C-alpha atoms as a PDB file:
ATOM      1  CA  MET A   1     111.428 150.340 224.531  1.00  0.00           C
ATOM      2  CA  SER A   2     111.645 151.178 220.875  1.00  0.00           C
ATOM      3  CA  VAL A   3     113.396 148.874 218.469  1.00  0.00           C
ATOM      4  CA  THR A   4     114.236 149.921 214.947  1.00  0.00           C
ATOM      5  CA  ASN A   5     113.181 147.183 212.541  1.00  0.00           C
ATOM      6  CA  THR A   6     115.961 146.531 210.031  1.00  0.00           C
ATOM      7  CA  LEU A   7     114.695 143.190 208.898  1.00  0.00           C
ATOM      8  CA  ASP A   8     113.629 142.971 205.275  1.00  0.00           C
ATOM      9  CA  TRP A   9     112.843 140.017 202.834  1.00  0.00           C
ATOM     10  CA  LYS A  10     116.550 139.610 201.953  1.00  0.00           C
ATOM     11  CA  ALA A  11     117.603 139.361 205.602  1.00  0.00           C
ATOM     12  CA  TYR A  12     114.689 137.054 206.230  1.00  0.00           C
ATOM     13  CA  GLU A  13     115.922 134.681 203.443  1.00  0.00           C
ATOM     14  CA  SER A  14     119.441 134.809 204.926  1.00  0.00           C
ATOM     15  CA  ILE A  15     118.134 133.997 208.390  1.00  0.00           C
ATOM     16  CA  THR A  16     116.137 131.089 207.024  1.00  0.00           C
ATOM     17  CA  LYS A  17     119.192 129.775 205.166  1.00  0.00           C
ATOM     18  CA  TYR A  18     121.281 130.092 208.292  1.00  0.00           C
ATOM     19  CA  ILE A  19     118.723 128.211 210.464  1.00  0.00           C
ATOM     20  CA  TYR A  20     118.452 125.295 208.000  1.00  0.00           C
ATOM     21  CA  GLU A  21     122.190 125.232 207.416  1.00  0.00           C
ATOM     22  CA  THR A  22     122.970 125.184 211.163  1.00  0.00           C
ATOM     23  CA  LEU A  23     120.270 122.738 212.230  1.00  0.00           C
ATOM     24  CA  GLY A  24     120.873 120.523 209.242  1.00  0.00           C
ATOM     25  CA  LYS A  25     124.620 120.236 209.538  1.00  0.00           C
ATOM     26  CA  GLN A  26     124.507 117.344 211.969  1.00  0.00           C
ATOM     27  CA  SER A  27     122.352 115.318 209.688  1.00  0.00           C
ATOM     28  CA  GLY A  28     124.219 116.000 206.412  1.00  0.00           C
ATOM     29  CA  VAL A  29     122.038 118.786 205.014  1.00  0.00           C
ATOM     30  CA  THR A  30     123.936 121.312 202.851  1.00  0.00           C
ATOM     31  CA  ILE A  31     122.802 124.556 201.205  1.00  0.00           C
ATOM     32  CA  LYS A  32     122.970 124.297 197.345  1.00  0.00           C
ATOM     33  CA  GLY A  33     121.919 127.865 196.819  1.00  0.00           C
ATOM     34  CA  TYR A  34     119.837 130.838 198.110  1.00  0.00           C
ATOM     35  CA  GLY A  35     118.693 134.272 197.270  1.00  0.00           C
ATOM     36  CA  SER A  36     117.409 135.886 194.114  1.00  0.00           C
ATOM     37  CA  SER A  37     120.078 134.181 191.952  1.00  0.00           C
ATOM     38  CA  CYS A  38     119.007 130.754 193.005  1.00  0.00           C
ATOM     39  CA  LYS A  39     117.333 129.243 190.039  1.00  0.00           C
ATOM     40  CA  VAL A  40     116.322 125.685 189.139  1.00  0.00           C
ATOM     41  CA  LYS A  41     115.473 124.499 185.604  1.00  0.00           C
ATOM     42  CA  GLY A  42     112.402 122.318 185.278  1.00  0.00           C
ATOM     43  CA  LYS A  43     111.378 119.576 182.874  1.00  0.00           C
ATOM     44  CA  SER A  44     109.289 122.188 181.107  1.00  0.00           C
ATOM     45  CA  GLY A  45     112.503 124.027 180.138  1.00  0.00           C
ATOM     46  CA  LEU A  46     111.549 126.974 182.364  1.00  0.00           C
ATOM     47  CA  SER A  47     113.704 128.233 185.252  1.00  0.00           C
ATOM     48  CA  HIS A  48     112.182 128.805 188.691  1.00  0.00           C
ATOM     49  CA  GLN A  49     113.534 131.076 191.363  1.00  0.00           C
ATOM     50  CA  VAL A  50     113.634 129.397 194.767  1.00  0.00           C
ATOM     51  CA  ASP A  51     114.686 131.207 197.940  1.00  0.00           C
ATOM     52  CA  VAL A  52     116.787 128.351 199.484  1.00  0.00           C
ATOM     53  CA  ILE A  53     117.679 124.926 198.135  1.00  0.00           C
ATOM     54  CA  THR A  54     119.082 122.267 200.383  1.00  0.00           C
ATOM     55  CA  SER A  55     120.553 118.888 199.629  1.00  0.00           C
ATOM     56  CA  HIS A  56     120.486 115.801 201.946  1.00  0.00           C
ATOM     57  CA  THR A  57     122.196 112.479 201.242  1.00  0.00           C
ATOM     58  CA  GLU A  58     120.683 109.365 202.927  1.00  0.00           C
ATOM     59  CA  GLY A  59     122.461 106.238 201.995  1.00  0.00           C
ATOM     60  CA  SER A  60     122.839 106.230 198.224  1.00  0.00           C
ATOM     61  CA  HIS A  61     119.980 108.677 197.633  1.00  0.00           C
ATOM     62  CA  THR A  62     120.313 112.445 197.519  1.00  0.00           C
ATOM     63  CA  TYR A  63     117.208 114.551 198.163  1.00  0.00           C
ATOM     64  CA  GLU A  64     116.623 118.222 197.537  1.00  0.00           C
ATOM     65  CA  THR A  65     114.318 120.583 199.361  1.00  0.00           C
ATOM     66  CA  ALA A  66     113.045 123.871 198.049  1.00  0.00           C
ATOM     67  CA  ILE A  67     112.310 126.498 200.732  1.00  0.00           C
ATOM     68  CA  GLU A  68     110.190 129.468 199.985  1.00  0.00           C
ATOM     69  CA  CYS A  69     110.381 132.525 202.335  1.00  0.00           C
ATOM     70  CA  LYS A  70     107.417 134.810 202.638  1.00  0.00           C
ATOM     71  CA  TYR A  71     108.198 138.013 204.530  1.00  0.00           C
ATOM     72  CA  ARG A  72     104.733 139.614 204.133  1.00  0.00           C
ATOM     73  CA  LYS A  73     102.058 141.160 206.286  1.00  0.00           C
ATOM     74  CA  GLU A  74      99.467 138.713 204.838  1.00  0.00           C
ATOM     75  CA  LYS A  75      99.213 135.108 205.897  1.00  0.00           C
ATOM     76  CA  VAL A  76     100.212 132.494 203.283  1.00  0.00           C
ATOM     77  CA  ASN A  77      97.233 131.026 201.487  1.00  0.00           C
ATOM     78  CA  LYS A  78      96.708 127.894 199.472  1.00  0.00           C
ATOM     79  CA  ASP A  79      97.658 129.606 196.180  1.00  0.00           C
ATOM     80  CA  VAL A  80     101.245 130.034 197.408  1.00  0.00           C
ATOM     81  CA  VAL A  81     101.323 126.381 198.527  1.00  0.00           C
ATOM     82  CA  MET A  82      99.949 125.363 195.118  1.00  0.00           C
ATOM     83  CA  LYS A  83     102.665 127.281 193.280  1.00  0.00           C
ATOM     84  CA  LEU A  84     105.385 125.592 195.315  1.00  0.00           C
ATOM     85  CA  VAL A  85     103.789 122.207 194.496  1.00  0.00           C
ATOM     86  CA  GLN A  86     103.916 122.971 190.788  1.00  0.00           C
ATOM     87  CA  ILE A  87     107.596 123.969 191.031  1.00  0.00           C
ATOM     88  CA  LEU A  88     108.428 120.743 192.798  1.00  0.00           C
ATOM     89  CA  GLU A  89     106.603 118.766 190.109  1.00  0.00           C
ATOM     90  CA  ASP A  90     108.401 120.625 187.303  1.00  0.00           C
ATOM     91  CA  THR A  91     111.893 120.406 188.824  1.00  0.00           C
ATOM     92  CA  GLY A  92     111.690 117.037 190.444  1.00  0.00           C
ATOM     93  CA  ILE A  93     112.702 118.439 193.796  1.00  0.00           C
ATOM     94  CA  SER A  94     111.646 115.949 196.532  1.00  0.00           C
ATOM     95  CA  LYS A  95     110.377 118.267 199.324  1.00  0.00           C
ATOM     96  CA  GLY A  96     109.058 121.772 199.812  1.00  0.00           C
ATOM     97  CA  ILE A  97     108.853 124.028 202.843  1.00  0.00           C
ATOM     98  CA  ILE A  98     107.237 127.476 203.165  1.00  0.00           C
ATOM     99  CA  VAL A  99     108.562 129.803 205.883  1.00  0.00           C
ATOM    100  CA  SER A 100     106.216 132.675 206.729  1.00  0.00           C
ATOM    101  CA  LYS A 101     106.508 135.792 208.831  1.00  0.00           C
ATOM    102  CA  SER A 102     102.766 136.171 209.259  1.00  0.00           C
ATOM    103  CA  GLY A 103     101.632 132.517 209.465  1.00  0.00           C
ATOM    104  CA  PHE A 104      99.188 130.645 207.198  1.00  0.00           C
ATOM    105  CA  THR A 105      95.502 130.748 206.404  1.00  0.00           C
ATOM    106  CA  ARG A 106      93.345 127.672 207.130  1.00  0.00           C
ATOM    107  CA  ASP A 107      93.205 126.652 203.489  1.00  0.00           C
ATOM    108  CA  GLY A 108      96.965 127.215 203.185  1.00  0.00           C
ATOM    109  CA  ILE A 109      97.563 124.818 206.156  1.00  0.00           C
ATOM    110  CA  GLN A 110      95.068 122.259 204.849  1.00  0.00           C
ATOM    111  CA  TYR A 111      96.537 122.188 201.380  1.00  0.00           C
ATOM    112  CA  ALA A 112     100.076 121.956 202.773  1.00  0.00           C
ATOM    113  CA  LYS A 113      99.095 118.899 204.836  1.00  0.00           C
ATOM    114  CA  HIS A 114      97.450 117.356 201.792  1.00  0.00           C
ATOM    115  CA  THR A 115     100.471 117.856 199.590  1.00  0.00           C
ATOM    116  CA  ASN A 116     103.156 117.115 202.177  1.00  0.00           C
ATOM    117  CA  ILE A 117     104.562 120.686 202.119  1.00  0.00           C
ATOM    118  CA  GLY A 118     106.250 121.665 205.356  1.00  0.00           C
ATOM    119  CA  ILE A 119     105.173 125.007 206.881  1.00  0.00           C
ATOM    120  CA  VAL A 120     107.152 127.140 209.347  1.00  0.00           C
ATOM    121  CA  HIS A 121     105.936 130.319 211.075  1.00  0.00           C
ATOM    122  CA  LEU A 122     109.155 132.296 211.740  1.00  0.00           C
ATOM    123  CA  ARG A 123     108.699 135.814 213.057  1.00  0.00           C
ATOM    124  CA  GLU A 124     110.383 138.438 215.216  1.00  0.00           C
ATOM    125  CA  TYR A 125     109.488 138.411 218.881  1.00  0.00           C
ATOM    126  CA  GLU A 126     106.992 141.033 220.143  1.00  0.00           C
ATOM    127  CA  GLU A 127     106.713 142.543 223.613  1.00  0.00           C
ATOM    128  CA  LYS A 128     103.587 140.484 224.267  1.00  0.00           C
ATOM    129  CA  ASP A 129     105.699 137.360 223.932  1.00  0.00           C
ATOM    130  CA  LEU A 130     107.514 138.356 227.084  1.00  0.00           C
ATOM    131  CA  LEU A 131     104.396 138.766 229.162  1.00  0.00           C
ATOM    132  CA  GLY A 132     104.216 136.151 231.915  1.00  0.00           C
ATOM    133  CA  ASN A 133     107.520 134.495 231.022  1.00  0.00           C
ATOM    134  CA  SER A 134     110.570 136.700 230.422  1.00  0.00           C
ATOM    135  CA  HIS A 135     112.869 133.725 230.160  1.00  0.00           C
ATOM    136  CA  GLN A 136     111.424 131.997 227.112  1.00  0.00           C
ATOM    137  CA  ILE A 137     110.402 133.242 223.750  1.00  0.00           C
ATOM    138  CA  ASP A 138     108.650 131.013 221.193  1.00  0.00           C
ATOM    139  CA  ILE A 139     109.946 132.321 217.895  1.00  0.00           C
ATOM    140  CA  ALA A 140     109.339 129.481 215.430  1.00  0.00           C
ATOM    141  CA  THR A 141     108.015 125.958 215.095  1.00  0.00           C
ATOM    142  CA  LEU A 142     110.325 123.775 213.082  1.00  0.00           C
ATOM    143  CA  ASP A 143     109.467 120.252 211.866  1.00  0.00           C
ATOM    144  CA  LEU A 144     112.716 118.450 211.487  1.00  0.00           C
ATOM    145  CA  ASN A 145     113.223 114.912 210.276  1.00  0.00           C
ATOM    146  CA  ILE A 146     116.488 113.653 211.645  1.00  0.00           C
ATOM    147  CA  LYS A 147     117.894 110.165 210.990  1.00  0.00           C
ATOM    148  CA  ILE A 148     119.648 108.729 213.959  1.00  0.00           C
ATOM    149  CA  HIS A 149     122.082 105.844 213.543  1.00  0.00           C
ATOM    150  CA  ARG A 150     122.269 103.394 216.427  1.00  0.00           C
ATOM    151  CA  THR A 151     125.638 101.823 217.034  1.00  0.00           C
ATOM    152  CA  ARG A 152     126.560  99.132 219.592  1.00  0.00           C
ATOM    153  CA  PRO A 153     127.625 100.511 222.981  1.00  0.00           C
ATOM    154  CA  GLU A 154     131.254 100.899 223.930  1.00  0.00           C
ATOM    155  CA  ILE A 155     132.144  99.198 227.256  1.00  0.00           C
ATOM    156  CA  THR A 156     134.224 101.552 229.347  1.00  0.00           C
ATOM    157  CA  SER A 157     134.061  99.655 232.654  1.00  0.00           C
ATOM    158  CA  ILE A 158     132.508  96.649 234.294  1.00  0.00           C
ATOM    159  CA  ASP A 159     131.042  96.825 237.787  1.00  0.00           C
ATOM    160  CA  ILE A 160     131.862  93.556 239.586  1.00  0.00           C
ATOM    161  CA  GLY A 161     130.250  94.502 242.958  1.00  0.00           C
ATOM    162  CA  ASP A 162     131.593  95.529 246.339  1.00  0.00           C
ATOM    163  CA  ASN A 163     132.546  98.969 244.888  1.00  0.00           C
ATOM    164  CA  ARG A 164     134.945  97.250 242.443  1.00  0.00           C
ATOM    165  CA  LYS A 165     135.170  98.138 238.722  1.00  0.00           C
ATOM    166  CA  ILE A 166     137.253  96.848 235.903  1.00  0.00           C
ATOM    167  CA  GLU A 167     138.268  99.722 233.687  1.00  0.00           C
ATOM    168  CA  ILE A 168     138.412  98.889 229.995  1.00  0.00           C
ATOM    169  CA  LYS A 169     141.023 100.791 227.931  1.00  0.00           C
ATOM    170  CA  HIS A 170     140.456  99.164 224.584  1.00  0.00           C
ATOM    171  CA  GLU A 171     137.523  97.470 222.992  1.00  0.00           C
ATOM    172  CA  PHE A 172     138.815  93.906 223.508  1.00  0.00           C
ATOM    173  CA  ASP A 173     140.671  94.411 226.837  1.00  0.00           C
ATOM    174  CA  TYR A 174     137.878  92.621 228.745  1.00  0.00           C
ATOM    175  CA  PHE A 175     139.105  89.338 227.186  1.00  0.00           C
ATOM    176  CA  ASP A 176     142.552  89.758 228.855  1.00  0.00           C
ATOM    177  CA  PHE A 177     141.608  88.989 232.443  1.00  0.00           C
ATOM    178  CA  THR A 178     139.924  86.238 234.472  1.00  0.00           C
ATOM    179  CA  ILE A 179     137.538  86.703 237.349  1.00  0.00           C
ATOM    180  CA  ILE A 180     137.847  83.937 239.915  1.00  0.00           C
ATOM    181  CA  LEU A 181     134.890  83.481 242.274  1.00  0.00           C
ATOM    182  CA  LYS A 182     135.720  81.907 245.627  1.00  0.00           C
ATOM    183  CA  ASN A 183     133.270  79.693 247.406  1.00  0.00           C
ATOM    184  CA  THR A 184     132.794  80.933 250.949  1.00  0.00           C
END
């Protein structure tokens, strides 16, 4: 089976933006910009091009994340990670992520861990991915930090035994009845 590869670096950036936009929507992540026109001015007075910039509000704090997309044949090395770290320092952007088609070198992974840069290996599937398991394809590994708010449970019914339940229509309805236990 022959598949024509129409994916290029621009499409790769768009796919990355779409993934972060879609997965982040539930936790309040928005896309501030993406593509070759997405530029951020640093404290140095210089502008830096960033492939995707997201924004996330948590309480009264808003955080930005710079995402760099690398659609290359070579693995991403520490020099690419170091460049992103420098952009973050100059712009004051809180977090950085590098998305790579070809993966990362050992020194790239080590430096990313040391500097708290997220790394994602996002690639097209290959025929070998289907060998042995045609129902599941591992395309990417994403590290997501999702904040979950716990709220008190809502009581919808109370089981009083002997297959009897009291259905609750409103939050305070359970105060409107009395259960009388008979001594037998």
